[in-house]
Amino acid sequence: AEGPMAWAVVWINLFTTGVFGVVLVFFCGFHLQLISKNQTTIESLDRRSQYALSSAADNARAVLGHNAWYWLVPIKPGLPTDGEGPGGAGDLEGGRGQRCDG
């Protein structure tokens, strides 16, 4: 089914993909800048950094942790894997909101 309509769909898809790609590059760059300054988005609007450390690497370690292997794969070793009971992997709020019958 080649024709003008098929090519229009291809060009629209390429344009949309390009726009999303450019937006994601700027979004990623902005967040890398925030990490290097040890700021949140709200703090960046205030223009003062209360928690900035001596270097961008120190700020990245403060935000992402000391082990660089976990920066791109955000898992925390040593958590329970069964997901049962308070404090398990399925309990993200540490037992809050449990019913007490009795």
N, C-alpha and C. Protein backbone atom coordinates (compact mmCIF):
# COMPACT_ATOMS: atom_id res chain seq x y z
N ALA A 1 0.84 -1.18 0.00
CA ALA A 1 0.00 0.00 0.00
C ALA A 1 0.89 1.24 0.00
N GLU A 2 1.63 1.41 -1.07
CA GLU A 2 2.45 2.60 -1.19
C GLU A 2 1.65 3.67 -1.92
N GLY A 3 1.80 4.83 -1.45
CA GLY A 3 1.10 5.96 -2.05
C GLY A 3 1.34 7.19 -1.24
N PRO A 4 0.70 8.27 -1.62
CA PRO A 4 0.93 9.52 -0.89
C PRO A 4 0.50 9.45 0.58
N MET A 5 -0.54 8.70 0.86
CA MET A 5 -1.02 8.61 2.24
C MET A 5 -0.02 7.84 3.11
N ALA A 6 0.57 6.77 2.58
CA ALA A 6 1.55 5.99 3.33
C ALA A 6 2.78 6.84 3.62
N TRP A 7 3.23 7.63 2.64
CA TRP A 7 4.39 8.49 2.86
C TRP A 7 4.07 9.60 3.85
N ALA A 8 2.85 10.10 3.85
CA ALA A 8 2.45 11.13 4.81
C ALA A 8 2.52 10.58 6.23
N VAL A 9 2.07 9.33 6.41
CA VAL A 9 2.12 8.70 7.73
C VAL A 9 3.58 8.54 8.18
N VAL A 10 4.44 8.13 7.25
CA VAL A 10 5.86 7.96 7.58
C VAL A 10 6.46 9.29 8.02
N TRP A 11 6.21 10.36 7.28
CA TRP A 11 6.77 11.67 7.61
C TRP A 11 6.22 12.22 8.92
N ILE A 12 4.94 12.00 9.17
CA ILE A 12 4.35 12.44 10.44
C ILE A 12 4.99 11.69 11.60
N ASN A 13 5.18 10.39 11.43
CA ASN A 13 5.83 9.60 12.48
C ASN A 13 7.27 10.03 12.72
N LEU A 14 8.01 10.31 11.65
CA LEU A 14 9.39 10.77 11.79
C LEU A 14 9.45 12.12 12.51
N PHE A 15 8.55 13.02 12.14
CA PHE A 15 8.50 14.33 12.78
C PHE A 15 8.19 14.20 14.26
N THR A 16 7.17 13.41 14.58
CA THR A 16 6.77 13.22 15.98
C THR A 16 7.91 12.60 16.79
N THR A 17 8.58 11.60 16.22
CA THR A 17 9.70 10.96 16.90
C THR A 17 10.82 11.96 17.13
N GLY A 18 11.10 12.79 16.14
CA GLY A 18 12.14 13.81 16.28
C GLY A 18 11.83 14.81 17.37
N VAL A 19 10.58 15.26 17.42
CA VAL A 19 10.17 16.22 18.45
C VAL A 19 10.34 15.60 19.84
N PHE A 20 9.86 14.37 20.01
CA PHE A 20 10.02 13.70 21.31
C PHE A 20 11.48 13.51 21.65
N GLY A 21 12.30 13.18 20.67
CA GLY A 21 13.74 13.00 20.91
C GLY A 21 14.39 14.28 21.40
N VAL A 22 14.09 15.39 20.76
CA VAL A 22 14.67 16.68 21.17
C VAL A 22 14.20 17.05 22.58
N VAL A 23 12.93 16.86 22.86
CA VAL A 23 12.40 17.17 24.19
C VAL A 23 13.09 16.31 25.25
N LEU A 24 13.26 15.02 24.97
CA LEU A 24 13.91 14.13 25.94
C LEU A 24 15.37 14.50 26.17
N VAL A 25 16.07 14.96 25.14
CA VAL A 25 17.47 15.38 25.31
C VAL A 25 17.53 16.57 26.26
N PHE A 26 16.66 17.56 26.08
CA PHE A 26 16.65 18.72 26.98
C PHE A 26 16.21 18.32 28.38
N PHE A 27 15.22 17.44 28.49
CA PHE A 27 14.75 16.97 29.79
C PHE A 27 15.88 16.26 30.54
N CYS A 28 16.60 15.39 29.84
CA CYS A 28 17.72 14.66 30.45
C CYS A 28 18.82 15.63 30.86
N GLY A 29 19.14 16.59 29.99
CA GLY A 29 20.17 17.57 30.31
C GLY A 29 19.81 18.41 31.53
N PHE A 30 18.55 18.82 31.61
CA PHE A 30 18.10 19.61 32.76
C PHE A 30 18.25 18.82 34.05
N HIS A 31 17.88 17.53 34.02
CA HIS A 31 17.98 16.72 35.24
C HIS A 31 19.42 16.39 35.59
N LEU A 32 20.28 16.23 34.60
CA LEU A 32 21.70 16.05 34.91
C LEU A 32 22.27 17.31 35.56
N GLN A 33 21.82 18.47 35.11
CA GLN A 33 22.24 19.73 35.72
C GLN A 33 21.74 19.80 37.17
N LEU A 34 20.50 19.39 37.41
CA LEU A 34 19.98 19.39 38.78
C LEU A 34 20.78 18.47 39.67
N ILE A 35 21.13 17.28 39.16
CA ILE A 35 21.92 16.34 39.95
C ILE A 35 23.29 16.94 40.26
N SER A 36 23.90 17.59 39.27
CA SER A 36 25.24 18.15 39.50
C SER A 36 25.22 19.27 40.54
N LYS A 37 24.07 19.94 40.70
CA LYS A 37 23.95 21.01 41.70
C LYS A 37 23.29 20.52 42.99
N ASN A 38 22.89 19.25 43.03
CA ASN A 38 22.21 18.65 44.18
C ASN A 38 20.95 19.44 44.52
N GLN A 39 20.10 19.65 43.51
CA GLN A 39 18.87 20.41 43.68
C GLN A 39 17.66 19.62 43.21
N THR A 40 16.51 20.00 43.74
CA THR A 40 15.25 19.51 43.19
C THR A 40 14.75 20.54 42.17
N THR A 41 13.67 20.22 41.48
CA THR A 41 13.12 21.16 40.51
C THR A 41 12.66 22.44 41.20
N ILE A 42 12.01 22.32 42.35
CA ILE A 42 11.54 23.49 43.09
C ILE A 42 12.72 24.34 43.54
N GLU A 43 13.78 23.70 44.04
CA GLU A 43 14.96 24.45 44.48
C GLU A 43 15.63 25.18 43.33
N SER A 44 15.56 24.62 42.12
CA SER A 44 16.18 25.29 40.98
C SER A 44 15.45 26.58 40.62
N LEU A 45 14.18 26.67 40.94
CA LEU A 45 13.43 27.89 40.69
C LEU A 45 13.77 28.98 41.70
N ASP A 46 14.27 28.57 42.87
CA ASP A 46 14.64 29.50 43.92
C ASP A 46 16.02 30.12 43.67
N ARG A 47 16.83 29.49 42.84
CA ARG A 47 18.16 29.96 42.44
C ARG A 47 19.19 29.92 43.56
N ARG A 48 18.87 29.35 44.71
CA ARG A 48 19.85 29.19 45.78
C ARG A 48 19.96 27.70 46.08
N SER A 49 21.16 27.20 46.20
CA SER A 49 21.36 25.80 46.51
C SER A 49 21.89 25.66 47.93
N GLN A 50 21.07 25.14 48.81
CA GLN A 50 21.48 24.97 50.20
C GLN A 50 22.37 23.75 50.38
N TYR A 51 22.24 22.76 49.50
CA TYR A 51 22.87 21.48 49.73
C TYR A 51 24.00 21.18 48.76
N ALA A 52 24.45 22.15 47.99
CA ALA A 52 25.50 21.91 47.00
C ALA A 52 26.80 21.54 47.71
N LEU A 53 27.44 20.51 47.22
CA LEU A 53 28.72 20.07 47.77
C LEU A 53 29.85 20.66 46.94
N SER A 54 31.07 20.21 47.18
CA SER A 54 32.23 20.84 46.56
C SER A 54 32.35 20.56 45.06
N SER A 55 31.81 19.45 44.57
CA SER A 55 31.95 19.13 43.14
C SER A 55 30.68 18.47 42.62
N ALA A 56 30.56 18.46 41.30
CA ALA A 56 29.41 17.80 40.68
C ALA A 56 29.41 16.30 40.98
N ALA A 57 30.59 15.69 41.03
CA ALA A 57 30.67 14.26 41.34
C ALA A 57 30.19 13.98 42.76
N ASP A 58 30.56 14.83 43.72
CA ASP A 58 30.08 14.66 45.10
C ASP A 58 28.56 14.84 45.17
N ASN A 59 28.04 15.80 44.41
CA ASN A 59 26.59 16.00 44.38
C ASN A 59 25.89 14.78 43.78
N ALA A 60 26.45 14.21 42.70
CA ALA A 60 25.85 13.01 42.09
C ALA A 60 25.86 11.85 43.07
N ARG A 61 26.94 11.67 43.80
CA ARG A 61 27.00 10.59 44.80
C ARG A 61 25.98 10.82 45.92
N ALA A 62 25.77 12.08 46.31
CA ALA A 62 24.80 12.38 47.36
C ALA A 62 23.38 12.05 46.90
N VAL A 63 23.10 12.25 45.61
CA VAL A 63 21.76 12.01 45.08
C VAL A 63 21.56 10.55 44.72
N LEU A 64 22.53 9.96 44.03
CA LEU A 64 22.37 8.62 43.45
C LEU A 64 22.99 7.50 44.26
N GLY A 65 23.81 7.81 45.24
CA GLY A 65 24.46 6.79 46.05
C GLY A 65 25.93 6.64 45.67
N HIS A 66 26.67 5.94 46.51
CA HIS A 66 28.11 5.84 46.30
C HIS A 66 28.50 4.80 45.26
N ASN A 67 27.67 3.80 45.04
CA ASN A 67 28.00 2.75 44.07
C ASN A 67 27.45 3.14 42.69
N ALA A 68 28.34 3.50 41.78
CA ALA A 68 27.93 3.97 40.44
C ALA A 68 27.24 2.88 39.63
N TRP A 69 27.44 1.61 39.96
CA TRP A 69 26.78 0.53 39.22
C TRP A 69 25.26 0.60 39.37
N TYR A 70 24.80 1.15 40.48
CA TYR A 70 23.35 1.22 40.72
C TYR A 70 22.73 2.51 40.19
N TRP A 71 23.49 3.38 39.59
CA TRP A 71 22.94 4.64 39.09
C TRP A 71 21.99 4.42 37.93
N LEU A 72 22.32 3.53 37.02
CA LEU A 72 21.47 3.29 35.85
C LEU A 72 20.46 2.17 36.07
N VAL A 73 20.70 1.34 37.09
CA VAL A 73 19.78 0.26 37.44
C VAL A 73 19.38 0.49 38.89
N PRO A 74 18.32 1.24 39.12
CA PRO A 74 17.98 1.67 40.49
C PRO A 74 17.34 0.58 41.32
N ILE A 75 18.17 -0.33 41.81
CA ILE A 75 17.69 -1.37 42.72
C ILE A 75 18.46 -1.21 44.02
N LYS A 76 17.88 -1.67 45.08
CA LYS A 76 18.57 -1.61 46.36
C LYS A 76 18.80 -3.04 46.83
N PRO A 77 20.05 -3.48 46.85
CA PRO A 77 20.32 -4.85 47.25
C PRO A 77 19.99 -5.08 48.72
N GLY A 78 19.57 -6.29 49.02
CA GLY A 78 19.30 -6.65 50.40
C GLY A 78 17.86 -6.49 50.83
N LEU A 79 16.97 -6.06 49.93
CA LEU A 79 15.56 -5.96 50.29
C LEU A 79 14.93 -7.34 50.25
N PRO A 80 13.93 -7.59 51.10
CA PRO A 80 13.22 -8.86 51.02
C PRO A 80 12.54 -9.01 49.66
N THR A 81 12.54 -10.19 49.13
CA THR A 81 11.97 -10.39 47.80
C THR A 81 10.62 -11.10 47.84
N ASP A 82 10.17 -11.57 49.01
CA ASP A 82 8.91 -12.29 49.04
C ASP A 82 7.70 -11.38 48.95
N GLY A 83 7.84 -10.11 49.35
CA GLY A 83 6.74 -9.16 49.26
C GLY A 83 5.67 -9.36 50.31
N GLU A 84 5.91 -10.24 51.26
CA GLU A 84 4.90 -10.54 52.28
C GLU A 84 5.21 -9.78 53.56
N GLY A 85 4.18 -9.32 54.23
CA GLY A 85 4.31 -8.74 55.55
C GLY A 85 4.86 -7.33 55.56
N PRO A 86 4.79 -6.68 56.72
CA PRO A 86 5.32 -5.33 56.86
C PRO A 86 6.82 -5.31 56.59
N GLY A 87 7.25 -4.34 55.83
CA GLY A 87 8.67 -4.22 55.52
C GLY A 87 9.10 -5.04 54.33
N GLY A 88 8.22 -5.87 53.79
CA GLY A 88 8.55 -6.64 52.60
C GLY A 88 8.55 -5.76 51.36
N ALA A 89 8.95 -6.31 50.24
CA ALA A 89 9.04 -5.52 49.02
C ALA A 89 7.69 -4.97 48.59
N GLY A 90 6.60 -5.64 48.96
CA GLY A 90 5.28 -5.17 48.59
C GLY A 90 4.75 -4.07 49.51
N ASP A 91 5.43 -3.83 50.64
CA ASP A 91 4.99 -2.85 51.61
C ASP A 91 5.83 -1.59 51.48
N LEU A 92 5.40 -0.69 50.60
CA LEU A 92 6.19 0.50 50.31
C LEU A 92 6.05 1.58 51.37
N GLU A 93 5.06 1.45 52.26
CA GLU A 93 4.86 2.47 53.28
C GLU A 93 5.19 1.97 54.67
N GLY A 94 5.95 0.92 54.79
CA GLY A 94 6.43 0.45 56.09
C GLY A 94 5.36 0.08 57.08
N GLY A 95 4.29 -0.55 56.64
CA GLY A 95 3.25 -1.01 57.55
C GLY A 95 2.17 0.00 57.84
N ARG A 96 2.20 1.18 57.23
CA ARG A 96 1.17 2.19 57.46
C ARG A 96 -0.16 1.71 56.91
N GLY A 97 -1.21 2.07 57.58
CA GLY A 97 -2.54 1.79 57.08
C GLY A 97 -3.02 0.36 57.32
N GLN A 98 -2.35 -0.37 58.19
CA GLN A 98 -2.81 -1.73 58.47
C GLN A 98 -4.02 -1.67 59.37
N ARG A 99 -4.96 -2.58 59.11
CA ARG A 99 -6.15 -2.66 59.94
C ARG A 99 -5.87 -3.45 61.20
N CYS A 100 -6.42 -3.01 62.28
CA CYS A 100 -6.33 -3.75 63.52
C CYS A 100 -7.73 -4.21 63.88
N ASP A 101 -8.00 -5.48 63.73
CA ASP A 101 -9.30 -6.03 64.07
C ASP A 101 -9.25 -6.61 65.47
N GLY A 102 -9.84 -5.92 66.39
CA GLY A 102 -9.88 -6.51 67.71
C GLY A 102 -9.44 -5.62 68.74
